[in-house]
Protein backbone atom coordinates (compact mmCIF):
# COMPACT_ATOMS: atom_id res chain seq x y z
CA MET A 1 -69.65 -73.70 77.37
CA ARG A 2 -71.01 -75.85 74.55
CA ILE A 3 -69.97 -75.74 70.92
CA GLY A 4 -72.80 -73.43 69.84
CA GLN A 5 -71.93 -70.91 72.52
CA LEU A 6 -68.27 -71.05 71.54
CA ALA A 7 -69.10 -70.60 67.87
CA ARG A 8 -71.25 -67.54 68.55
CA SER A 9 -68.71 -65.95 70.89
CA VAL A 10 -65.89 -66.23 68.35
CA GLY A 11 -67.92 -65.83 65.16
CA VAL A 12 -67.25 -69.18 63.48
CA ASP A 13 -69.42 -72.11 62.43
CA THR A 14 -69.67 -75.21 64.62
CA GLN A 15 -68.35 -77.31 61.72
CA THR A 16 -65.25 -75.11 61.64
CA ILE A 17 -64.63 -75.86 65.30
CA ARG A 18 -64.97 -79.60 64.69
CA PHE A 19 -62.61 -79.33 61.70
CA TYR A 20 -59.99 -77.52 63.79
CA GLU A 21 -60.28 -80.28 66.41
CA ARG A 22 -59.79 -83.02 63.80
CA GLU A 23 -56.77 -81.22 62.33
CA GLY A 24 -55.19 -80.74 65.77
CA LEU A 25 -55.38 -76.93 65.72
CA LEU A 26 -57.75 -76.88 68.67
CA PRO A 27 -57.17 -79.05 71.75
CA PRO A 28 -59.88 -81.65 72.28
CA PRO A 29 -62.48 -80.50 74.79
CA ASP A 30 -63.63 -82.43 77.81
CA ARG A 31 -66.96 -84.18 77.44
CA GLN A 32 -69.90 -84.44 79.77
CA ASP A 33 -71.48 -87.81 80.58
CA ASN A 34 -74.02 -87.17 77.82
CA GLY A 35 -71.22 -86.67 75.26
CA TYR A 36 -71.53 -82.90 74.91
CA ARG A 37 -68.26 -81.12 74.33
CA ILE A 38 -67.36 -78.61 77.04
CA TYR A 39 -65.12 -75.74 75.98
CA THR A 40 -63.15 -73.35 78.17
CA GLU A 41 -61.70 -69.87 77.86
CA ARG A 42 -58.56 -71.53 76.51
CA HIS A 43 -60.54 -72.68 73.46
CA VAL A 44 -61.94 -69.17 72.96
CA GLU A 45 -58.43 -67.71 73.01
CA ARG A 46 -57.09 -70.35 70.61
CA LEU A 47 -59.94 -69.82 68.13
CA ALA A 48 -59.44 -66.06 68.26
CA PHE A 49 -55.73 -66.60 67.57
CA ILE A 50 -56.49 -68.87 64.60
CA ARG A 51 -58.87 -66.27 63.17
CA ARG A 52 -56.23 -63.54 63.50
CA CYS A 53 -53.64 -65.74 61.79
CA ARG A 54 -55.96 -66.41 58.86
CA ILE A 55 -56.14 -62.67 58.19
CA LEU A 56 -52.37 -62.47 57.68
């Protein structure tokens, strides 16, 4: 899935996802030949975990 789809599925902004990548909280995604980031279920789970931790 692309970054917009990931953002909608988890309920965060695309800039938040990029920030988490830069800070090392989210593993870097694979990229297609055109440069688009491709995210997996692993990224969905990690983002959901980060959101739960922020609530604490």
